[in-house]
Amino acid sequence: MDSPSHPPGTGAGSTRAEVEATAAVWLSLRDRGLSPAETAEFVRWLQVDPGHAAAFGELDRTWRDLDRAAALRAMAPPERPRAQHPSRQRRRDWNVRVSGWAAGLAAAATVMVGVWFSLPSQDHTAETAVGVLQKLDLPDGSVALLNTDSAIDAAFTARERRVRIIRGEVFFTVIPEAARPFIVTAGPVVVRAVGTAFNVRRQAGVVEVLVTEGRVRLTEAGSGRSLLAVRAVPEGESGSLGAGERAVVPTAGRNTAPVPVGVAALDQAAVRRHLAWQERRLEFDEAPLAEIVGQFNRHNRVRLTIDDPELSRQRFSGVFRADGQESLLRLLQNDFGVQVERRPDEVVLRPASPDRPRREP
């Protein structure tokens, strides 16, 4: 008989015993440290059915209680032998039963791990297609919201929570865990947080980090050097980025010479513009057309190209739907005389013809 494509306790119709056994597998793997592939599969398992997360949380609390009880017993002074009171004897019998149940569950988990991971490995990344946004619940309760055409992988251990941005843009809402920092890498940039909310965008030649809550530290991968100069911030937070601040880190040429990092404090309107993609909107305030076209290209399969350097630098303002490419083209064509040439997989933009009056943006 063929092996199942998923382990018992994965589907919505699984029995409670199967779900609990699968939760035990994940608890064991989490404690020894999840690989990126295991993390992605764990997240998928949690999302299949709300009962999966409930079973995992209940089992996790049970193990924590047992660990605390064992620690307390180890700290207690030895007792002199004495006759057992019936109630104490019952508690002792219960401890024996719990220990036996835990050992049996661990054995079952070992067997399941052997069966499960003999199956072909699965993709270890979370990835969005062009025009698609995805909310990803991470194993610790933190949340990653992936923008269009983005990809990440994650590795959570007992000591740290680490996410790598392969491409694109991600907004993180991080659950505080002082003993287990949350670390995001985007090329040569490392963002370190404990409990905060921030946005990271990785694109060709630059990484942008925008903090909306708490503080994060920015360091250089490999060297560990701070990417931020000492700044006038609260004591103990030197070299960090705070709420409402945005850092732009050039990544091209960082191996040959230090590259200045631009840091700016944004007002609420500017923060809203930068995060408008979360509501599938694009907002621009005196932005060069090259930047506007680049943003639309991230959300649409038909690409826009600009066939003139001066037109690329021309600035425009406006609010559009992320998939509202046609609205942009009508605005450029009707109000500013921009010539639009449509091809099967591309739209080419050229300056207005010299004999046509053009409204200033």
Protein backbone atom coordinates (compact mmCIF):
# COMPACT_ATOMS: atom_id res chain seq x y z
CA MET A 1 0.00 0.00 0.00
CA ASP A 2 1.30 3.46 -0.88
CA SER A 3 2.48 5.74 1.93
CA PRO A 4 0.12 8.62 2.77
CA SER A 5 1.12 12.02 1.45
CA HIS A 6 0.63 13.56 4.93
CA PRO A 7 1.12 12.15 8.43
CA PRO A 8 -1.84 11.13 10.61
CA GLY A 9 -3.42 14.08 12.37
CA THR A 10 -2.87 16.41 9.44
CA GLY A 11 -6.29 16.53 7.78
CA ALA A 12 -9.45 18.16 9.07
CA GLY A 13 -11.07 14.73 9.53
CA SER A 14 -8.33 13.28 11.74
CA THR A 15 -9.22 11.76 15.09
CA ARG A 16 -8.32 13.53 18.34
CA ALA A 17 -5.73 10.84 19.12
CA GLU A 18 -4.05 11.37 15.74
CA VAL A 19 -3.99 15.14 16.20
CA GLU A 20 -2.49 14.80 19.70
CA ALA A 21 0.16 12.38 18.43
CA THR A 22 1.09 14.79 15.62
CA ALA A 23 1.24 17.65 18.13
CA ALA A 24 3.70 15.56 20.16
CA VAL A 25 5.89 15.19 17.07
CA TRP A 26 5.96 18.94 16.54
CA LEU A 27 6.65 19.61 20.22
CA SER A 28 9.65 17.28 20.10
CA LEU A 29 10.96 18.85 16.89
CA ARG A 30 10.45 22.39 18.18
CA ASP A 31 12.45 21.68 21.34
CA ARG A 32 15.41 20.39 19.36
CA GLY A 33 15.09 23.19 16.77
CA LEU A 34 13.07 23.33 13.54
CA SER A 35 14.73 23.45 10.15
CA PRO A 36 13.30 25.88 7.56
CA ALA A 37 11.47 23.02 5.81
CA GLU A 38 10.03 21.77 9.11
CA THR A 39 8.99 25.28 10.11
CA ALA A 40 7.05 25.75 6.87
CA GLU A 41 5.36 22.36 7.29
CA PHE A 42 4.55 23.13 10.95
CA VAL A 43 2.88 26.41 9.98
CA ARG A 44 0.83 24.62 7.32
CA TRP A 45 -0.26 22.00 9.88
CA LEU A 46 -1.38 24.70 12.33
CA GLN A 47 -3.41 26.43 9.62
CA VAL A 48 -5.30 23.32 8.47
CA ASP A 49 -7.60 23.23 11.51
CA PRO A 50 -7.96 25.43 14.65
CA GLY A 51 -7.95 22.20 16.68
CA HIS A 52 -4.33 21.60 15.72
CA ALA A 53 -3.12 24.81 17.41
CA ALA A 54 -5.32 24.07 20.44
CA ALA A 55 -3.92 20.53 20.80
CA PHE A 56 -0.34 21.77 20.43
CA GLY A 57 -0.86 24.54 23.02
CA GLU A 58 -2.44 22.14 25.52
CA LEU A 59 0.38 19.63 25.15
CA ASP A 60 3.00 22.38 25.42
CA ARG A 61 1.44 23.63 28.68
CA THR A 62 1.36 20.06 30.05
CA TRP A 63 5.06 19.55 29.36
CA ARG A 64 5.94 22.92 30.89
CA ASP A 65 4.01 22.00 34.05
CA LEU A 66 5.83 18.66 34.24
CA ASP A 67 9.19 20.39 33.78
CA ARG A 68 8.41 22.84 36.58
CA ALA A 69 7.28 20.02 38.85
CA ALA A 70 10.48 18.10 38.16
CA ALA A 71 12.57 21.19 38.91
CA LEU A 72 10.78 21.75 42.21
CA ARG A 73 11.27 18.13 43.22
CA ALA A 74 14.99 18.40 42.44
CA MET A 75 15.28 21.48 44.68
CA ALA A 76 13.40 19.98 47.63
CA PRO A 77 15.40 18.45 50.54
CA PRO A 78 15.21 14.66 50.88
CA GLU A 79 12.38 13.42 53.09
CA ARG A 80 12.66 10.81 55.81
CA PRO A 81 10.84 7.56 55.05
CA ARG A 82 7.35 7.50 56.53
CA ALA A 83 4.06 5.79 56.01
CA GLN A 84 2.16 6.93 52.92
CA HIS A 85 -1.17 8.63 53.45
CA PRO A 86 -3.79 7.26 51.02
CA SER A 87 -4.16 10.64 49.24
CA ARG A 88 -0.37 10.87 48.79
CA GLN A 89 -0.34 7.36 47.43
CA ARG A 90 -2.99 8.30 44.89
CA ARG A 91 -0.95 11.33 43.79
CA ARG A 92 2.09 9.08 43.47
CA ASP A 93 0.15 6.65 41.34
CA TRP A 94 -1.00 9.56 39.17
CA ASN A 95 2.59 10.71 38.65
CA VAL A 96 3.54 7.21 37.58
CA ARG A 97 0.67 7.12 35.10
CA VAL A 98 1.61 10.55 33.70
CA SER A 99 5.24 9.51 33.31
CA GLY A 100 4.19 6.32 31.55
CA TRP A 101 1.86 8.24 29.24
CA ALA A 102 4.61 10.75 28.40
CA ALA A 103 7.12 8.00 27.65
CA GLY A 104 4.61 6.21 25.43
CA LEU A 105 3.79 9.43 23.61
CA ALA A 106 7.48 10.16 23.05
CA ALA A 107 7.94 6.67 21.62
CA ALA A 108 4.97 7.17 19.30
CA ALA A 109 6.40 10.52 18.23
CA THR A 110 9.72 8.86 17.37
CA VAL A 111 7.98 6.31 15.18
CA MET A 112 5.94 9.03 13.46
CA VAL A 113 9.04 11.12 12.78
CA GLY A 114 10.62 8.14 11.06
CA VAL A 115 7.57 7.60 8.86
CA TRP A 116 6.91 11.28 8.19
CA PHE A 117 10.34 12.43 7.20
CA SER A 118 10.99 9.44 4.99
CA LEU A 119 8.52 11.19 2.65
CA PRO A 120 9.87 13.58 -0.02
CA SER A 121 10.90 16.93 1.46
CA GLN A 122 8.60 19.89 0.83
CA ASP A 123 9.33 23.48 -0.17
CA HIS A 124 10.74 25.28 2.87
CA THR A 125 9.78 28.80 1.78
CA ALA A 126 6.63 30.88 2.05
CA GLU A 127 6.15 32.59 -1.28
CA THR A 128 3.61 34.91 -2.92
CA ALA A 129 2.89 35.24 -6.62
CA VAL A 130 2.59 38.55 -8.44
CA GLY A 131 -0.51 40.38 -7.19
CA VAL A 132 -0.97 38.12 -4.14
CA LEU A 133 -0.61 38.99 -0.43
CA GLN A 134 -0.28 36.32 2.27
CA LYS A 135 -0.58 36.39 6.07
CA LEU A 136 1.68 33.80 7.71
CA ASP A 137 1.26 32.81 11.37
CA LEU A 138 4.70 31.88 12.69
CA PRO A 139 5.22 29.11 15.30
CA ASP A 140 5.77 31.56 18.19
CA GLY A 141 2.57 33.50 17.52
CA SER A 142 4.28 36.29 15.56
CA VAL A 143 2.83 37.21 12.17
CA ALA A 144 4.49 37.87 8.82
CA LEU A 145 2.48 39.61 6.09
CA LEU A 146 4.08 39.05 2.69
CA ASN A 147 3.62 41.60 -0.06
CA THR A 148 3.29 40.63 -3.70
CA ASP A 149 6.12 38.61 -5.30
CA SER A 150 7.88 37.98 -1.97
CA ALA A 151 9.54 34.93 -0.42
CA ILE A 152 10.91 34.05 3.01
CA ASP A 153 12.22 31.06 4.91
CA ALA A 154 12.30 30.63 8.69
CA ALA A 155 14.23 28.65 11.31
CA PHE A 156 13.05 28.76 14.92
CA THR A 157 15.14 27.25 17.72
CA ALA A 158 15.09 27.37 21.51
CA ARG A 159 17.54 30.31 21.43
CA GLU A 160 16.43 32.47 18.51
CA ARG A 161 13.76 33.10 15.91
CA ARG A 162 15.29 33.70 12.50
CA VAL A 163 13.63 34.68 9.21
CA ARG A 164 15.39 35.29 5.90
CA ILE A 165 13.84 37.51 3.25
CA ILE A 166 14.75 35.98 -0.08
CA ARG A 167 13.01 38.72 -2.04
CA GLY A 168 10.24 41.25 -1.76
CA GLU A 169 8.62 42.96 1.22
CA VAL A 170 7.33 41.67 4.57
CA PHE A 171 5.65 43.32 7.55
CA PHE A 172 6.38 41.62 10.89
CA THR A 173 4.35 41.78 14.10
CA VAL A 174 6.60 40.16 16.70
CA ILE A 175 5.53 38.50 19.95
CA PRO A 176 7.89 39.61 22.77
CA GLU A 177 10.33 36.96 24.00
CA ALA A 178 13.28 38.57 25.75
CA ALA A 179 15.26 35.32 25.86
CA ARG A 180 14.67 34.53 22.19
CA PRO A 181 15.34 37.47 19.83
CA PHE A 182 13.59 37.78 16.48
CA ILE A 183 16.17 38.18 13.72
CA VAL A 184 15.41 39.08 10.09
CA THR A 185 18.13 39.00 7.44
CA ALA A 186 17.76 40.69 4.06
CA GLY A 187 20.95 40.32 2.09
CA PRO A 188 23.75 42.00 4.11
CA VAL A 189 21.29 43.66 6.52
CA VAL A 190 20.33 42.08 9.85
CA VAL A 191 17.31 43.40 11.78
CA ARG A 192 17.17 42.32 15.41
CA ALA A 193 14.05 42.76 17.57
CA VAL A 194 12.41 41.31 20.67
CA GLY A 195 8.81 42.52 20.52
CA THR A 196 7.95 45.11 17.91
CA ALA A 197 6.38 45.73 14.51
CA PHE A 198 8.37 46.66 11.43
CA ASN A 199 8.46 46.47 7.65
CA VAL A 200 11.42 45.21 5.60
CA ARG A 201 11.67 45.64 1.85
CA ARG A 202 14.46 44.03 -0.13
CA GLN A 203 15.01 45.15 -3.70
CA ALA A 204 17.89 45.50 -6.13
CA GLY A 205 20.66 47.57 -4.52
CA VAL A 206 18.80 48.60 -1.36
CA VAL A 207 17.08 47.35 1.81
CA GLU A 208 14.47 49.54 3.50
CA VAL A 209 13.39 49.11 7.14
CA LEU A 210 10.43 50.99 8.59
CA VAL A 211 9.53 50.62 12.30
CA THR A 212 5.95 51.19 13.44
CA GLU A 213 6.23 49.96 17.04
CA GLY A 214 9.14 49.45 19.47
CA ARG A 215 12.76 49.55 18.35
CA VAL A 216 15.05 47.39 16.22
CA ARG A 217 18.80 47.19 15.78
CA LEU A 218 20.37 47.17 12.33
CA THR A 219 23.69 45.40 11.88
CA GLU A 220 25.79 44.16 9.01
CA ALA A 221 25.76 40.43 8.33
CA GLY A 222 29.14 38.80 8.92
CA SER A 223 30.88 41.65 10.73
CA GLY A 224 28.03 42.38 13.15
CA ARG A 225 28.81 46.11 12.96
CA SER A 226 25.98 48.54 13.58
CA LEU A 227 24.61 50.14 10.44
CA LEU A 228 23.45 53.20 12.36
CA ALA A 229 25.64 55.92 13.79
CA VAL A 230 25.29 56.82 17.49
CA ARG A 231 22.16 58.93 17.67
CA ALA A 232 20.20 60.97 20.20
CA VAL A 233 17.86 58.22 21.40
CA PRO A 234 16.85 56.93 24.87
CA GLU A 235 19.69 55.60 27.01
CA GLY A 236 20.68 52.08 26.04
CA GLU A 237 19.12 52.36 22.56
CA SER A 238 22.05 53.87 20.73
CA GLY A 239 22.34 52.58 17.20
CA SER A 240 18.71 51.49 16.97
CA LEU A 241 15.74 52.49 14.86
CA GLY A 242 12.52 53.60 16.60
CA ALA A 243 8.83 53.85 15.79
CA GLY A 244 8.15 56.17 12.86
CA GLU A 245 11.73 55.94 11.56
CA ARG A 246 12.80 54.52 8.21
CA ALA A 247 16.30 53.43 7.23
CA VAL A 248 17.43 53.00 3.64
CA VAL A 249 20.53 50.78 3.42
CA PRO A 250 22.37 50.67 0.08
CA THR A 251 23.60 47.11 -0.47
CA ALA A 252 25.58 47.47 -3.68
CA GLY A 253 29.30 47.85 -2.98
CA ARG A 254 29.10 47.21 0.77
CA ASN A 255 31.94 44.68 0.51
CA THR A 256 34.38 47.29 -0.76
CA ALA A 257 33.60 50.40 1.29
CA PRO A 258 31.16 51.63 3.92
CA VAL A 259 27.99 53.01 2.35
CA PRO A 260 26.02 55.73 4.17
CA VAL A 261 22.67 54.68 5.60
CA GLY A 262 19.85 57.18 5.25
CA VAL A 263 17.55 57.52 8.28
CA ALA A 264 14.42 59.67 8.28
CA ALA A 265 11.59 60.30 10.75
CA LEU A 266 8.24 59.95 8.97
CA ASP A 267 4.92 61.51 9.87
CA GLN A 268 1.77 59.38 10.02
CA ALA A 269 0.79 60.22 6.45
CA ALA A 270 4.16 59.08 5.14
CA VAL A 271 4.02 55.86 7.16
CA ARG A 272 0.55 55.22 5.76
CA ARG A 273 1.82 55.70 2.21
CA HIS A 274 4.65 53.23 2.71
CA LEU A 275 2.31 50.60 4.15
CA ALA A 276 -0.65 51.21 1.82
CA TRP A 277 0.18 47.92 0.08
CA GLN A 278 -1.31 46.08 3.08
CA GLU A 279 -4.71 47.39 1.91
CA ARG A 280 -3.85 46.71 -1.74
CA ARG A 281 -3.35 50.42 -2.40
CA LEU A 282 -0.43 52.41 -3.79
CA GLU A 283 0.01 56.02 -2.62
CA PHE A 284 2.50 58.46 -4.11
CA ASP A 285 3.43 61.99 -3.13
CA GLU A 286 5.62 63.73 -5.70
CA ALA A 287 7.23 60.42 -6.60
CA PRO A 288 9.28 60.03 -9.80
CA LEU A 289 7.48 58.07 -12.50
CA ALA A 290 10.25 55.44 -12.42
CA GLU A 291 9.35 54.63 -8.80
CA ILE A 292 5.63 54.56 -9.56
CA VAL A 293 6.14 52.21 -12.49
CA GLY A 294 8.37 49.97 -10.37
CA GLN A 295 5.64 49.65 -7.73
CA PHE A 296 2.94 48.83 -10.30
CA ASN A 297 5.21 46.24 -11.90
CA ARG A 298 5.46 44.39 -8.60
CA HIS A 299 1.68 43.96 -8.51
CA ASN A 300 0.87 43.34 -12.19
CA ARG A 301 2.03 40.82 -14.78
CA VAL A 302 1.94 43.26 -17.71
CA ARG A 303 5.06 45.35 -17.23
CA LEU A 304 5.37 49.08 -17.73
CA THR A 305 8.58 50.48 -19.20
CA ILE A 306 9.63 54.10 -19.71
CA ASP A 307 11.40 54.93 -22.95
CA ASP A 308 12.81 58.29 -21.89
CA PRO A 309 15.10 59.30 -18.97
CA GLU A 310 13.46 62.69 -18.50
CA LEU A 311 9.99 61.14 -18.28
CA SER A 312 11.34 58.66 -15.69
CA ARG A 313 12.31 61.58 -13.44
CA GLN A 314 9.02 63.45 -13.80
CA ARG A 315 7.09 63.46 -10.49
CA PHE A 316 3.45 62.60 -9.85
CA SER A 317 1.06 62.20 -6.92
CA GLY A 318 -1.97 59.98 -6.55
CA VAL A 319 -3.71 57.05 -4.87
CA PHE A 320 -4.38 53.89 -6.88
CA ARG A 321 -5.51 50.33 -6.40
CA ALA A 322 -2.51 48.00 -6.56
CA ASP A 323 -4.10 46.30 -9.57
CA GLY A 324 -5.26 49.63 -11.05
CA GLN A 325 -2.67 49.80 -13.80
CA GLU A 326 -5.27 51.02 -16.30
CA SER A 327 -6.20 53.95 -14.06
CA LEU A 328 -2.58 55.07 -14.05
CA LEU A 329 -2.30 54.76 -17.82
CA ARG A 330 -5.48 56.78 -18.39
CA LEU A 331 -4.21 59.51 -16.06
CA LEU A 332 -0.85 59.71 -17.82
CA GLN A 333 -2.39 59.60 -21.27
CA ASN A 334 -5.39 61.90 -20.85
CA ASP A 335 -4.05 64.47 -18.36
CA PHE A 336 -0.36 64.59 -19.21
CA GLY A 337 -0.25 63.53 -22.86
CA VAL A 338 2.08 60.58 -22.23
CA GLN A 339 2.16 58.27 -25.25
CA VAL A 340 1.16 54.69 -24.42
CA GLU A 341 2.21 51.84 -26.70
CA ARG A 342 0.60 48.51 -25.81
CA ARG A 343 2.42 45.27 -26.56
CA PRO A 344 1.38 41.68 -25.64
CA ASP A 345 3.32 41.59 -22.32
CA GLU A 346 4.48 45.18 -21.99
CA VAL A 347 3.29 48.77 -22.10
CA VAL A 348 5.85 51.34 -23.23
CA LEU A 349 5.56 54.94 -22.01
CA ARG A 350 7.00 57.82 -24.01
CA PRO A 351 6.94 61.61 -23.54
CA ALA A 352 4.04 63.65 -24.86
CA SER A 353 4.40 64.74 -28.47
CA PRO A 354 5.84 68.28 -28.77
CA ASP A 355 2.72 69.69 -30.41
CA ARG A 356 0.34 68.52 -27.65
CA PRO A 357 -0.17 70.73 -24.58
CA ARG A 358 0.66 68.95 -21.35
CA ARG A 359 -0.71 69.64 -17.87
CA GLU A 360 1.92 69.98 -15.15
CA PRO A 361 1.75 67.19 -12.53
